[in-house]
Amino acid sequence: NEDANVIKSYSDVGVDQFKYGLELDNSIKADQEGHLEGD
């Protein structure tokens, strides 16, 4: 069982939002984002 290596990653985090993601060399990709809602 070999560990996967990160091919690409990014993150952009602000006061009221975030976005990040990564891609591994074993064909796994993940992206997440969100934002603050409310008054």
Protein backbone atom coordinates (compact mmCIF):
# COMPACT_ATOMS: atom_id res chain seq x y z
CA ASN A 1 0.00 0.00 0.00
CA GLU A 2 1.69 3.19 -1.22
CA ASP A 3 0.90 6.70 -0.04
CA ALA A 4 -0.63 9.02 -2.61
CA ASN A 5 1.29 12.15 -3.58
CA VAL A 6 -0.27 15.57 -4.00
CA ILE A 7 -0.04 16.74 -7.62
CA LYS A 8 -1.87 20.03 -7.18
CA SER A 9 -3.39 21.97 -4.30
CA TYR A 10 -4.81 25.43 -3.76
CA SER A 11 -6.54 27.46 -1.08
CA ASP A 12 -8.21 30.85 -0.97
CA VAL A 13 -9.50 31.83 2.45
CA GLY A 14 -11.16 35.16 3.18
CA VAL A 15 -13.10 36.73 6.03
CA ASP A 16 -16.48 35.45 4.83
CA GLN A 17 -15.62 32.68 2.34
CA PHE A 18 -13.20 29.87 1.62
CA LYS A 19 -12.24 27.64 -1.28
CA TYR A 20 -9.67 24.87 -1.40
CA GLY A 21 -8.88 21.71 -3.25
CA LEU A 22 -6.31 19.12 -4.14
CA GLU A 23 -5.51 16.47 -6.71
CA LEU A 24 -3.63 13.28 -5.90
CA ASP A 25 -1.65 11.03 -8.21
CA ASN A 26 -4.09 8.15 -7.58
CA SER A 27 -6.89 9.94 -9.52
CA ILE A 28 -8.57 11.42 -6.43
CA LYS A 29 -9.69 15.05 -6.68
CA ALA A 30 -11.38 17.09 -3.96
CA ASP A 31 -12.75 20.64 -4.00
CA GLN A 32 -14.55 22.46 -1.19
CA GLU A 33 -15.97 25.93 -0.89
CA GLY A 34 -18.27 27.82 1.42
CA HIS A 35 -19.38 31.25 2.50
CA LEU A 36 -20.78 32.94 5.56
CA GLU A 37 -24.47 33.76 5.55
CA GLY A 38 -26.42 35.97 7.90
CA ASP A 39 -26.74 39.54 9.07
